C-alpha atoms as a PDB file:
ATOM      1  CA  UNK A   1       0.000   0.000   0.000  1.00  0.00           C
ATOM      2  CA  UNK A   2       1.304   3.463  -0.884  1.00  0.00           C
ATOM      3  CA  UNK A   3       0.972   5.710   2.166  1.00  0.00           C
ATOM      4  CA  UNK A   4       1.596   9.430   2.705  1.00  0.00           C
ATOM      5  CA  UNK A   5       2.369  10.477   6.279  1.00  0.00           C
ATOM      6  CA  UNK A   6       1.238  14.066   6.850  1.00  0.00           C
ATOM      7  CA  UNK A   7       2.697  16.229   9.649  1.00  0.00           C
ATOM      8  CA  UNK A   8       5.616  13.825   9.950  1.00  0.00           C
ATOM      9  CA  UNK A   9       7.957  14.678  12.808  1.00  0.00           C
ATOM     10  CA  UNK A  10      11.630  13.656  12.834  1.00  0.00           C
ATOM     11  CA  UNK A  11      11.105  11.613  16.008  1.00  0.00           C
ATOM     12  CA  UNK A  12       8.243   9.639  14.390  1.00  0.00           C
ATOM     13  CA  UNK A  13       9.859   8.554  11.131  1.00  0.00           C
ATOM     14  CA  UNK A  14      12.273   5.880  12.451  1.00  0.00           C
ATOM     15  CA  UNK A  15       9.558   4.387  14.658  1.00  0.00           C
ATOM     16  CA  UNK A  16       7.071   4.176  11.778  1.00  0.00           C
ATOM     17  CA  UNK A  17       9.697   2.673   9.463  1.00  0.00           C
ATOM     18  CA  UNK A  18      10.610   0.041  12.047  1.00  0.00           C
ATOM     19  CA  UNK A  19       6.969  -0.847  12.708  1.00  0.00           C
ATOM     20  CA  UNK A  20       6.299  -0.994   8.963  1.00  0.00           C
ATOM     21  CA  UNK A  21       9.089  -3.509   8.371  1.00  0.00           C
ATOM     22  CA  UNK A  22       9.076  -2.595   4.639  1.00  0.00           C
ATOM     23  CA  UNK A  23       5.527  -3.859   4.128  1.00  0.00           C
ATOM     24  CA  UNK A  24       4.078  -0.584   2.833  1.00  0.00           C
ATOM     25  CA  UNK A  25       5.607   2.198   0.771  1.00  0.00           C
ATOM     26  CA  UNK A  26       5.782   5.048   3.278  1.00  0.00           C
ATOM     27  CA  UNK A  27       6.360   8.629   2.189  1.00  0.00           C
ATOM     28  CA  UNK A  28       6.747  11.468   4.676  1.00  0.00           C
ATOM     29  CA  UNK A  29       5.901  15.153   4.515  1.00  0.00           C
ATOM     30  CA  UNK A  30       6.242  17.681   7.314  1.00  0.00           C
ATOM     31  CA  UNK A  31       3.307  19.567   5.775  1.00  0.00           C
ATOM     32  CA  UNK A  32       0.096  19.706   7.782  1.00  0.00           C
ATOM     33  CA  UNK A  33      -2.919  18.407   5.831  1.00  0.00           C
ATOM     34  CA  UNK A  34      -5.035  21.302   4.585  1.00  0.00           C
ATOM     35  CA  UNK A  35      -7.325  21.964   1.657  1.00  0.00           C
ATOM     36  CA  UNK A  36      -4.394  23.587  -0.138  1.00  0.00           C
ATOM     37  CA  UNK A  37      -2.044  20.607   0.025  1.00  0.00           C
ATOM     38  CA  UNK A  38      -4.484  17.692  -0.124  1.00  0.00           C
ATOM     39  CA  UNK A  39      -3.231  17.209  -3.690  1.00  0.00           C
ATOM     40  CA  UNK A  40       0.006  15.814  -2.258  1.00  0.00           C
ATOM     41  CA  UNK A  41      -2.011  12.630  -1.643  1.00  0.00           C
ATOM     42  CA  UNK A  42      -2.783  12.135  -5.349  1.00  0.00           C
ATOM     43  CA  UNK A  43      -2.446   8.427  -6.263  1.00  0.00           C
ATOM     44  CA  UNK A  44      -1.817   7.337  -2.665  1.00  0.00           C
ATOM     45  CA  UNK A  45      -3.903   4.476  -1.266  1.00  0.00           C
ATOM     46  CA  UNK A  46      -3.804   5.775   2.286  1.00  0.00           C
ATOM     47  CA  UNK A  47      -2.720   8.701   4.378  1.00  0.00           C
ATOM     48  CA  UNK A  48      -1.822   9.060   8.036  1.00  0.00           C
ATOM     49  CA  UNK A  49      -2.670  12.274   9.852  1.00  0.00           C
ATOM     50  CA  UNK A  50      -2.038  13.852  13.227  1.00  0.00           C
ATOM     51  CA  UNK A  51      -4.308  15.831  15.546  1.00  0.00           C
ATOM     52  CA  UNK A  52      -3.219  19.136  13.972  1.00  0.00           C
ATOM     53  CA  UNK A  53      -4.285  18.067  10.464  1.00  0.00           C
ATOM     54  CA  UNK A  54      -7.482  19.294   8.833  1.00  0.00           C
ATOM     55  CA  UNK A  55      -9.750  16.494   7.650  1.00  0.00           C
ATOM     56  CA  UNK A  56     -12.913  18.543   7.277  1.00  0.00           C
ATOM     57  CA  UNK A  57     -15.545  18.005   4.578  1.00  0.00           C
ATOM     58  CA  UNK A  58     -13.846  19.749   1.679  1.00  0.00           C
ATOM     59  CA  UNK A  59     -10.493  18.105   2.421  1.00  0.00           C
ATOM     60  CA  UNK A  60     -12.047  14.638   2.600  1.00  0.00           C
ATOM     61  CA  UNK A  61     -13.821  15.201  -0.702  1.00  0.00           C
ATOM     62  CA  UNK A  62     -10.528  16.145  -2.319  1.00  0.00           C
ATOM     63  CA  UNK A  63      -8.745  13.141  -0.847  1.00  0.00           C
ATOM     64  CA  UNK A  64     -11.485  10.865  -2.155  1.00  0.00           C
ATOM     65  CA  UNK A  65     -11.199  12.391  -5.619  1.00  0.00           C
ATOM     66  CA  UNK A  66      -7.427  11.891  -5.523  1.00  0.00           C
ATOM     67  CA  UNK A  67      -7.835   8.156  -4.888  1.00  0.00           C
ATOM     68  CA  UNK A  68      -7.278   7.915  -1.129  1.00  0.00           C
ATOM     69  CA  UNK A  69      -9.256   5.060   0.420  1.00  0.00           C
ATOM     70  CA  UNK A  70      -7.880   4.833   3.964  1.00  0.00           C
ATOM     71  CA  UNK A  71      -7.012   7.331   6.722  1.00  0.00           C
ATOM     72  CA  UNK A  72      -5.190   6.273   9.862  1.00  0.00           C
ATOM     73  CA  UNK A  73      -4.841   8.837  12.654  1.00  0.00           C
ATOM     74  CA  UNK A  74      -1.758   8.935  14.821  1.00  0.00           C
ATOM     75  CA  UNK A  75      -3.878  10.072  17.760  1.00  0.00           C
ATOM     76  CA  UNK A  76      -6.761   8.922  19.907  1.00  0.00           C
ATOM     77  CA  UNK A  77      -8.806  12.084  19.433  1.00  0.00           C
ATOM     78  CA  UNK A  78     -10.565  12.451  16.104  1.00  0.00           C
ATOM     79  CA  UNK A  79     -12.407  15.755  16.348  1.00  0.00           C
ATOM     80  CA  UNK A  80     -10.349  17.014  13.390  1.00  0.00           C
ATOM     81  CA  UNK A  81     -12.039  14.603  10.963  1.00  0.00           C
ATOM     82  CA  UNK A  82     -15.669  14.577   9.881  1.00  0.00           C
ATOM     83  CA  UNK A  83     -16.516  10.898  10.251  1.00  0.00           C
ATOM     84  CA  UNK A  84     -19.984  11.301   8.757  1.00  0.00           C
ATOM     85  CA  UNK A  85     -18.515  12.684   5.539  1.00  0.00           C
ATOM     86  CA  UNK A  86     -15.800  10.025   5.508  1.00  0.00           C
ATOM     87  CA  UNK A  87     -18.454   7.337   5.847  1.00  0.00           C
ATOM     88  CA  UNK A  88     -20.522   8.840   3.023  1.00  0.00           C
ATOM     89  CA  UNK A  89     -17.452   8.907   0.758  1.00  0.00           C
ATOM     90  CA  UNK A  90     -16.555   5.312   1.605  1.00  0.00           C
ATOM     91  CA  UNK A  91     -13.304   6.252   3.322  1.00  0.00           C
ATOM     92  CA  UNK A  92     -12.087   3.877   6.024  1.00  0.00           C
ATOM     93  CA  UNK A  93     -10.851   5.717   9.119  1.00  0.00           C
ATOM     94  CA  UNK A  94      -9.069   4.365  12.198  1.00  0.00           C
ATOM     95  CA  UNK A  95      -7.314   5.943  15.149  1.00  0.00           C
ATOM     96  CA  UNK A  96      -4.780   4.830  17.767  1.00  0.00           C
ATOM     97  CA  UNK A  97      -6.997   4.758  20.874  1.00  0.00           C
ATOM     98  CA  UNK A  98      -4.831   3.158  23.546  1.00  0.00           C
ATOM     99  CA  UNK A  99      -1.282   4.300  22.866  1.00  0.00           C
ATOM    100  CA  UNK A 100      -0.606   5.440  26.451  1.00  0.00           C
ATOM    101  CA  UNK A 101      -3.201   6.902  28.773  1.00  0.00           C
ATOM    102  CA  UNK A 102      -0.443   6.828  31.396  1.00  0.00           C
ATOM    103  CA  UNK A 103       1.631   9.346  29.439  1.00  0.00           C
ATOM    104  CA  UNK A 104      -1.183  11.886  29.351  1.00  0.00           C
ATOM    105  CA  UNK A 105      -2.358  11.327  32.930  1.00  0.00           C
ATOM    106  CA  UNK A 106       1.199  11.658  34.228  1.00  0.00           C
ATOM    107  CA  UNK A 107       1.663  14.884  32.258  1.00  0.00           C
ATOM    108  CA  UNK A 108      -1.537  16.230  33.815  1.00  0.00           C
ATOM    109  CA  UNK A 109      -0.032  15.662  37.260  1.00  0.00           C
ATOM    110  CA  UNK A 110       3.221  17.277  36.107  1.00  0.00           C
ATOM    111  CA  UNK A 111       1.284  20.372  34.996  1.00  0.00           C
ATOM    112  CA  UNK A 112      -0.474  20.586  38.357  1.00  0.00           C
ATOM    113  CA  UNK A 113       2.732  20.234  40.338  1.00  0.00           C
ATOM    114  CA  UNK A 114       4.667  22.609  38.088  1.00  0.00           C
ATOM    115  CA  UNK A 115       2.040  25.289  38.691  1.00  0.00           C
ATOM    116  CA  UNK A 116       1.312  24.597  42.335  1.00  0.00           C
ATOM    117  CA  UNK A 117       4.952  24.229  43.450  1.00  0.00           C
ATOM    118  CA  UNK A 118       6.125  27.146  41.262  1.00  0.00           C
ATOM    119  CA  UNK A 119       8.778  24.996  39.569  1.00  0.00           C
ATOM    120  CA  UNK A 120       9.240  27.226  36.535  1.00  0.00           C
ATOM    121  CA  UNK A 121       9.558  30.344  38.682  1.00  0.00           C
ATOM    122  CA  UNK A 122      11.921  28.502  41.043  1.00  0.00           C
ATOM    123  CA  UNK A 123      14.267  27.509  38.242  1.00  0.00           C
ATOM    124  CA  UNK A 124      14.216  31.017  36.804  1.00  0.00           C
ATOM    125  CA  UNK A 125      15.127  32.462  40.208  1.00  0.00           C
ATOM    126  CA  UNK A 126      17.871  29.983  41.023  1.00  0.00           C
ATOM    127  CA  UNK A 127      19.508  30.550  37.627  1.00  0.00           C
ATOM    128  CA  UNK A 128      19.846  34.165  38.757  1.00  0.00           C
ATOM    129  CA  UNK A 129      21.279  32.988  42.109  1.00  0.00           C
ATOM    130  CA  UNK A 130      18.094  34.038  43.908  1.00  0.00           C
ATOM    131  CA  UNK A 131      17.328  31.342  46.476  1.00  0.00           C
ATOM    132  CA  UNK A 132      14.510  33.028  48.377  1.00  0.00           C
ATOM    133  CA  UNK A 133      11.304  31.059  48.989  1.00  0.00           C
ATOM    134  CA  UNK A 134       8.909  33.986  49.370  1.00  0.00           C
ATOM    135  CA  UNK A 135       7.332  33.548  45.916  1.00  0.00           C
ATOM    136  CA  UNK A 136       7.472  29.750  45.874  1.00  0.00           C
ATOM    137  CA  UNK A 137       4.805  28.702  48.372  1.00  0.00           C
ATOM    138  CA  UNK A 138       2.381  26.015  47.201  1.00  0.00           C
ATOM    139  CA  UNK A 139      -0.003  23.630  48.970  1.00  0.00           C
ATOM    140  CA  UNK A 140      -0.302  19.929  49.735  1.00  0.00           C
ATOM    141  CA  UNK A 141      -2.330  18.050  47.143  1.00  0.00           C
ATOM    142  CA  UNK A 142      -3.094  15.511  49.856  1.00  0.00           C
ATOM    143  CA  UNK A 143      -6.702  15.687  51.112  1.00  0.00           C
ATOM    144  CA  UNK A 144      -7.753  18.179  48.446  1.00  0.00           C
ATOM    145  CA  UNK A 145     -11.072  17.656  46.650  1.00  0.00           C
ATOM    146  CA  UNK A 146     -10.242  17.014  43.005  1.00  0.00           C
ATOM    147  CA  UNK A 147     -12.739  16.950  40.160  1.00  0.00           C
ATOM    148  CA  UNK A 148     -12.049  14.702  37.173  1.00  0.00           C
ATOM    149  CA  UNK A 149     -14.121  15.584  34.123  1.00  0.00           C
ATOM    150  CA  UNK A 150     -14.131  12.420  32.038  1.00  0.00           C
ATOM    151  CA  UNK A 151     -13.160   9.017  33.457  1.00  0.00           C
ATOM    152  CA  UNK A 152     -12.285   7.166  30.273  1.00  0.00           C
ATOM    153  CA  UNK A 153      -8.852   5.621  29.750  1.00  0.00           C
ATOM    154  CA  UNK A 154      -6.914   8.768  30.676  1.00  0.00           C
ATOM    155  CA  UNK A 155      -9.238   9.867  33.453  1.00  0.00           C
ATOM    156  CA  UNK A 156      -9.162   6.400  35.010  1.00  0.00           C
ATOM    157  CA  UNK A 157      -5.360   6.420  35.220  1.00  0.00           C
ATOM    158  CA  UNK A 158      -5.503   9.926  36.656  1.00  0.00           C
ATOM    159  CA  UNK A 159      -7.936   8.780  39.342  1.00  0.00           C
ATOM    160  CA  UNK A 160      -5.488   6.061  40.421  1.00  0.00           C
ATOM    161  CA  UNK A 161      -2.636   8.563  40.676  1.00  0.00           C
ATOM    162  CA  UNK A 162      -4.756  11.067  42.617  1.00  0.00           C
ATOM    163  CA  UNK A 163      -5.856   8.322  44.989  1.00  0.00           C
ATOM    164  CA  UNK A 164      -2.173   7.752  45.724  1.00  0.00           C
ATOM    165  CA  UNK A 165      -1.892  11.429  46.681  1.00  0.00           C
ATOM    166  CA  UNK A 166      -4.707  10.926  49.187  1.00  0.00           C
ATOM    167  CA  UNK A 167      -7.218  13.152  47.399  1.00  0.00           C
ATOM    168  CA  UNK A 168     -10.972  13.123  47.706  1.00  0.00           C
ATOM    169  CA  UNK A 169     -12.001  12.435  44.113  1.00  0.00           C
ATOM    170  CA  UNK A 170     -15.262  13.565  42.547  1.00  0.00           C
ATOM    171  CA  UNK A 171     -15.965  12.876  38.894  1.00  0.00           C
ATOM    172  CA  UNK A 172     -18.397  13.434  36.075  1.00  0.00           C
ATOM    173  CA  UNK A 173     -18.995  11.418  32.920  1.00  0.00           C
ATOM    174  CA  UNK A 174     -21.888  10.141  30.843  1.00  0.00           C
ATOM    175  CA  UNK A 175     -21.707   6.887  32.816  1.00  0.00           C
ATOM    176  CA  UNK A 176     -20.160   5.830  36.118  1.00  0.00           C
ATOM    177  CA  UNK A 177     -17.200   3.453  36.374  1.00  0.00           C
ATOM    178  CA  UNK A 178     -18.095   0.991  39.103  1.00  0.00           C
ATOM    179  CA  UNK A 179     -14.495  -0.158  39.528  1.00  0.00           C
ATOM    180  CA  UNK A 180     -13.328   3.404  40.213  1.00  0.00           C
ATOM    181  CA  UNK A 181     -16.130   3.802  42.743  1.00  0.00           C
ATOM    182  CA  UNK A 182     -15.249   0.518  44.449  1.00  0.00           C
ATOM    183  CA  UNK A 183     -11.446   0.701  44.384  1.00  0.00           C
ATOM    184  CA  UNK A 184     -10.767   4.436  44.659  1.00  0.00           C
ATOM    185  CA  UNK A 185     -13.872   5.805  46.397  1.00  0.00           C
ATOM    186  CA  UNK A 186     -14.736   8.053  43.480  1.00  0.00           C
ATOM    187  CA  UNK A 187     -18.025   9.930  43.869  1.00  0.00           C
ATOM    188  CA  UNK A 188     -19.823  10.690  40.614  1.00  0.00           C
ATOM    189  CA  UNK A 189     -21.596  14.031  40.847  1.00  0.00           C
ATOM    190  CA  UNK A 190     -22.956  16.646  38.454  1.00  0.00           C
ATOM    191  CA  UNK A 191     -20.782  19.187  36.651  1.00  0.00           C
ATOM    192  CA  UNK A 192     -22.386  21.934  38.710  1.00  0.00           C
ATOM    193  CA  UNK A 193     -21.576  20.056  41.913  1.00  0.00           C
ATOM    194  CA  UNK A 194     -17.945  19.736  40.821  1.00  0.00           C
ATOM    195  CA  UNK A 195     -17.906  23.509  40.281  1.00  0.00           C
ATOM    196  CA  UNK A 196     -18.994  23.973  43.892  1.00  0.00           C
ATOM    197  CA  UNK A 197     -16.800  21.340  45.563  1.00  0.00           C
ATOM    198  CA  UNK A 198     -13.545  20.987  43.628  1.00  0.00           C
ATOM    199  CA  UNK A 199     -10.299  22.722  44.550  1.00  0.00           C
ATOM    200  CA  UNK A 200      -8.578  21.272  41.478  1.00  0.00           C
ATOM    201  CA  UNK A 201     -10.300  20.270  38.214  1.00  0.00           C
ATOM    202  CA  UNK A 202      -8.799  18.035  35.537  1.00  0.00           C
ATOM    203  CA  UNK A 203     -10.305  18.078  32.036  1.00  0.00           C
ATOM    204  CA  UNK A 204     -10.040  14.660  30.351  1.00  0.00           C
ATOM    205  CA  UNK A 205     -13.043  14.868  28.020  1.00  0.00           C
ATOM    206  CA  UNK A 206     -13.258  14.338  24.261  1.00  0.00           C
ATOM    207  CA  UNK A 207     -14.197  17.393  22.222  1.00  0.00           C
ATOM    208  CA  UNK A 208     -17.815  17.055  21.076  1.00  0.00           C
ATOM    209  CA  UNK A 209     -20.750  19.361  20.469  1.00  0.00           C
ATOM    210  CA  UNK A 210     -21.691  18.884  24.116  1.00  0.00           C
ATOM    211  CA  UNK A 211     -18.236  19.635  25.522  1.00  0.00           C
ATOM    212  CA  UNK A 212     -17.281  22.509  23.199  1.00  0.00           C
ATOM    213  CA  UNK A 213     -16.755  25.590  25.411  1.00  0.00           C
ATOM    214  CA  UNK A 214     -18.075  23.673  28.406  1.00  0.00           C
ATOM    215  CA  UNK A 215     -15.982  26.019  30.549  1.00  0.00           C
ATOM    216  CA  UNK A 216     -17.729  29.198  29.406  1.00  0.00           C
ATOM    217  CA  UNK A 217     -18.606  32.317  31.404  1.00  0.00           C
ATOM    218  CA  UNK A 218     -21.740  30.700  32.829  1.00  0.00           C
ATOM    219  CA  UNK A 219     -19.986  27.572  34.092  1.00  0.00           C
ATOM    220  CA  UNK A 220     -16.926  29.457  35.334  1.00  0.00           C
ATOM    221  CA  UNK A 221     -19.210  31.712  37.395  1.00  0.00           C
ATOM    222  CA  UNK A 222     -20.321  28.612  39.338  1.00  0.00           C
ATOM    223  CA  UNK A 223     -16.789  27.806  40.537  1.00  0.00           C
ATOM    224  CA  UNK A 224     -16.695  28.416  44.285  1.00  0.00           C
ATOM    225  CA  UNK A 225     -13.253  27.381  45.579  1.00  0.00           C
ATOM    226  CA  UNK A 226     -10.950  29.211  43.150  1.00  0.00           C
ATOM    227  CA  UNK A 227      -9.746  25.933  41.648  1.00  0.00           C
ATOM    228  CA  UNK A 228      -6.679  25.249  39.568  1.00  0.00           C
ATOM    229  CA  UNK A 229      -7.861  23.918  36.204  1.00  0.00           C
ATOM    230  CA  UNK A 230      -5.682  21.427  34.315  1.00  0.00           C
ATOM    231  CA  UNK A 231      -6.509  20.687  30.678  1.00  0.00           C
ATOM    232  CA  UNK A 232      -4.955  17.706  28.863  1.00  0.00           C
ATOM    233  CA  UNK A 233      -7.922  17.147  26.560  1.00  0.00           C
ATOM    234  CA  UNK A 234      -8.710  19.721  23.858  1.00  0.00           C
ATOM    235  CA  UNK A 235      -8.295  23.471  23.950  1.00  0.00           C
ATOM    236  CA  UNK A 236     -11.798  24.210  22.703  1.00  0.00           C
ATOM    237  CA  UNK A 237     -13.392  22.627  25.778  1.00  0.00           C
ATOM    238  CA  UNK A 238     -12.597  25.903  27.514  1.00  0.00           C
ATOM    239  CA  UNK A 239     -13.401  29.376  26.262  1.00  0.00           C
ATOM    240  CA  UNK A 240      -9.908  30.814  26.552  1.00  0.00           C
ATOM    241  CA  UNK A 241     -10.895  34.458  26.876  1.00  0.00           C
ATOM    242  CA  UNK A 242     -13.223  33.571  29.743  1.00  0.00           C
ATOM    243  CA  UNK A 243     -10.448  31.580  31.429  1.00  0.00           C
ATOM    244  CA  UNK A 244      -8.184  34.620  31.211  1.00  0.00           C
ATOM    245  CA  UNK A 245     -10.905  36.831  32.647  1.00  0.00           C
ATOM    246  CA  UNK A 246     -11.434  34.349  35.489  1.00  0.00           C
ATOM    247  CA  UNK A 247      -7.712  34.385  36.240  1.00  0.00           C
ATOM    248  CA  UNK A 248      -7.691  38.175  36.296  1.00  0.00           C
ATOM    249  CA  UNK A 249     -10.729  38.346  38.585  1.00  0.00           C
ATOM    250  CA  UNK A 250      -9.415  35.576  40.892  1.00  0.00           C
ATOM    251  CA  UNK A 251     -12.319  33.216  40.190  1.00  0.00           C
ATOM    252  CA  UNK A 252      -9.772  30.504  39.404  1.00  0.00           C
ATOM    253  CA  UNK A 253      -6.317  30.243  40.951  1.00  0.00           C
ATOM    254  CA  UNK A 254      -4.503  28.929  37.909  1.00  0.00           C
ATOM    255  CA  UNK A 255      -4.773  27.321  34.491  1.00  0.00           C
ATOM    256  CA  UNK A 256      -2.270  24.631  33.486  1.00  0.00           C
ATOM    257  CA  UNK A 257      -2.813  23.383  29.953  1.00  0.00           C
ATOM    258  CA  UNK A 258      -1.234  21.235  27.280  1.00  0.00           C
ATOM    259  CA  UNK A 259      -3.691  22.429  24.614  1.00  0.00           C
ATOM    260  CA  UNK A 260      -5.057  25.610  23.059  1.00  0.00           C
ATOM    261  CA  UNK A 261      -8.189  25.880  20.960  1.00  0.00           C
ATOM    262  CA  UNK A 262      -6.440  27.677  18.057  1.00  0.00           C
ATOM    263  CA  UNK A 263      -3.220  25.674  18.237  1.00  0.00           C
ATOM    264  CA  UNK A 264      -3.387  24.315  14.667  1.00  0.00           C
ATOM    265  CA  UNK A 265      -0.460  25.603  12.670  1.00  0.00           C
ATOM    266  CA  UNK A 266       1.264  26.804  15.868  1.00  0.00           C
ATOM    267  CA  UNK A 267       1.839  23.879  18.217  1.00  0.00           C
ATOM    268  CA  UNK A 268       4.324  21.240  16.941  1.00  0.00           C
ATOM    269  CA  UNK A 269       6.233  23.914  14.981  1.00  0.00           C
ATOM    270  CA  UNK A 270       9.190  26.175  15.765  1.00  0.00           C
ATOM    271  CA  UNK A 271       7.722  29.656  15.625  1.00  0.00           C
ATOM    272  CA  UNK A 272      10.540  31.376  17.502  1.00  0.00           C
ATOM    273  CA  UNK A 273      11.417  33.477  14.452  1.00  0.00           C
ATOM    274  CA  UNK A 274       7.809  33.903  13.352  1.00  0.00           C
ATOM    275  CA  UNK A 275       5.734  34.574  16.452  1.00  0.00           C
ATOM    276  CA  UNK A 276       2.013  33.850  15.982  1.00  0.00           C
ATOM    277  CA  UNK A 277      -0.135  36.951  15.659  1.00  0.00           C
ATOM    278  CA  UNK A 278      -2.588  35.705  18.253  1.00  0.00           C
ATOM    279  CA  UNK A 279      -3.260  38.130  21.086  1.00  0.00           C
ATOM    280  CA  UNK A 280      -5.202  35.575  23.141  1.00  0.00           C
ATOM    281  CA  UNK A 281      -2.402  33.015  22.944  1.00  0.00           C
ATOM    282  CA  UNK A 282       0.105  35.698  23.900  1.00  0.00           C
ATOM    283  CA  UNK A 283      -1.937  36.550  26.997  1.00  0.00           C
ATOM    284  CA  UNK A 284      -2.222  32.866  27.865  1.00  0.00           C
ATOM    285  CA  UNK A 285       1.512  32.269  27.546  1.00  0.00           C
ATOM    286  CA  UNK A 286       2.509  35.379  29.496  1.00  0.00           C
ATOM    287  CA  UNK A 287      -0.066  35.286  32.267  1.00  0.00           C
ATOM    288  CA  UNK A 288       1.497  34.822  35.720  1.00  0.00           C
ATOM    289  CA  UNK A 289      -1.155  32.254  36.671  1.00  0.00           C
ATOM    290  CA  UNK A 290      -0.666  29.848  33.754  1.00  0.00           C
ATOM    291  CA  UNK A 291       1.590  27.013  32.706  1.00  0.00           C
ATOM    292  CA  UNK A 292       1.362  26.100  29.023  1.00  0.00           C
ATOM    293  CA  UNK A 293       3.039  23.162  27.288  1.00  0.00           C
ATOM    294  CA  UNK A 294       2.857  22.554  23.503  1.00  0.00           C
ATOM    295  CA  UNK A 295       0.553  19.502  23.310  1.00  0.00           C
ATOM    296  CA  UNK A 296       3.340  17.230  24.482  1.00  0.00           C
ATOM    297  CA  UNK A 297       1.467  15.016  26.926  1.00  0.00           C
ATOM    298  CA  UNK A 298       1.524  12.034  24.528  1.00  0.00           C
ATOM    299  CA  UNK A 299       5.257  12.386  23.862  1.00  0.00           C
ATOM    300  CA  UNK A 300       6.874   9.468  25.668  1.00  0.00           C
ATOM    301  CA  UNK A 301       8.976   6.742  24.098  1.00  0.00           C
ATOM    302  CA  UNK A 302       6.383   4.135  24.964  1.00  0.00           C
ATOM    303  CA  UNK A 303       3.457   6.114  23.564  1.00  0.00           C
ATOM    304  CA  UNK A 304       5.253   6.954  20.320  1.00  0.00           C
ATOM    305  CA  UNK A 305       6.160   3.311  19.761  1.00  0.00           C
ATOM    306  CA  UNK A 306       2.560   2.274  20.408  1.00  0.00           C
ATOM    307  CA  UNK A 307       1.264   4.928  18.010  1.00  0.00           C
ATOM    308  CA  UNK A 308       3.611   3.727  15.287  1.00  0.00           C
ATOM    309  CA  UNK A 309       2.635   0.084  15.812  1.00  0.00           C
ATOM    310  CA  UNK A 310      -1.103   0.830  15.821  1.00  0.00           C
ATOM    311  CA  UNK A 311      -0.767   2.985  12.695  1.00  0.00           C
ATOM    312  CA  UNK A 312       0.881   0.153  10.795  1.00  0.00           C
ATOM    313  CA  UNK A 313      -1.568  -2.406  12.225  1.00  0.00           C
ATOM    314  CA  UNK A 314      -4.440  -0.349  10.803  1.00  0.00           C
ATOM    315  CA  UNK A 315      -2.778  -0.300   7.374  1.00  0.00           C
ATOM    316  CA  UNK A 316      -2.024  -4.018   7.521  1.00  0.00           C
ATOM    317  CA  UNK A 317      -5.635  -4.889   8.291  1.00  0.00           C
ATOM    318  CA  UNK A 318      -6.945  -2.836   5.370  1.00  0.00           C
ATOM    319  CA  UNK A 319      -4.268  -4.130   3.018  1.00  0.00           C
ATOM    320  CA  UNK A 320      -5.410  -7.668   3.847  1.00  0.00           C
ATOM    321  CA  UNK A 321      -9.072  -6.816   3.273  1.00  0.00           C
ATOM    322  CA  UNK A 322      -9.892  -6.956   6.969  1.00  0.00           C
ATOM    323  CA  UNK A 323     -11.647  -4.649   9.418  1.00  0.00           C
ATOM    324  CA  UNK A 324      -9.233  -2.745  11.665  1.00  0.00           C
ATOM    325  CA  UNK A 325     -10.007  -3.103  15.372  1.00  0.00           C
ATOM    326  CA  UNK A 326      -9.480   0.665  15.650  1.00  0.00           C
ATOM    327  CA  UNK A 327     -11.859   1.552  12.831  1.00  0.00           C
ATOM    328  CA  UNK A 328     -14.092   4.585  13.340  1.00  0.00           C
ATOM    329  CA  UNK A 329     -16.135   4.489  10.134  1.00  0.00           C
END
C-alpha cells in the first residue's frame, strides 16, 4: 500500500519505518494536511494524519477524488475529521486509541505540580542565584477535593494517581465506572456540583458538540473554591478568553494546559522566528497564573512506539481486506 504520512515529525519517522518492516511504501511530509495541500495525496492508497491536520468536509472530498481510500490517525482524538462525511465517501478511518493513557495522565499531574509548586519560577530564580522562597509557596495536594471531568482511559489512570496522593475524588462522565467507585472511592456528581466542591479540576473529556466551550462564562461563574484547572484534553473545551478573565478576577487560581483551541499551525512547529499573531495566545503564555506546554502530553517513548505500531496495524488490516479493530467508520 502506498501511504503518505502528513505532519511527519523527525522523532516519528524511524519508529514508523521500524513498525512498517518494509511492508508498505511510506512517504513522509512535514506539511500539515489542509485543503491547499491535499493534492500531495494524489495516487496514494492511504494517508496518516495527526491531531493538527485538517480532515474537514472539503479536504475529505478532495482526498477521495485523488484516490485515497484509507485514513489512519496517529492520535486517539478524532475531532479534526468529519466521520460522517468520511463514511458517506466510503473512506475507512481508524485511530490509535490506547497508545498510552499513562503518558497523558502523568503529564496532567506534572502540569499541576509545576504550577502549584512554582517549579518554573523557582528555576528562573535559582539561575539568577536568587534562592529566596517567598514567591514559591504552594499547597499539599493531599486531602484536596479534586474533580475529574471524564473518566475514560486517561481519566481512570488519573484517578489512580490522585488516589495515591490521598485526594478526595469527585468525577463526572456520561456513565459511572463501578471499579473506580469501588477501588478508589470516586463519587460521581454533576458538573455543577464539581464547580462547587472541587479545589482542582482536571479536564479529560473528548471534544464534542456537548463539551465545546463547556468552561464558558456561565460555568466558570459557578466555581466556588478558586480551583486550579488542568486541561490535557482539547483546547476548545474551555473558552480561553473567559479563562483569562477568570484568572484576572481571581475566580480561578490557575490554568495549566497542554492544549489551546487555536493551536493548529502553531503547536508542533518552531515559531521562535515567526511569532504567531494571536493576542489571546500571547496573553495565555505570558499570564502569571498559567503554565502552558505545547501539546506534548503524549510524547513518551512508549506512547510513540505504540502509536507507530497501531498505525501500521491499521494499514495491515486494510491491506489484507480486513476490518481494523481501531476503525471509526
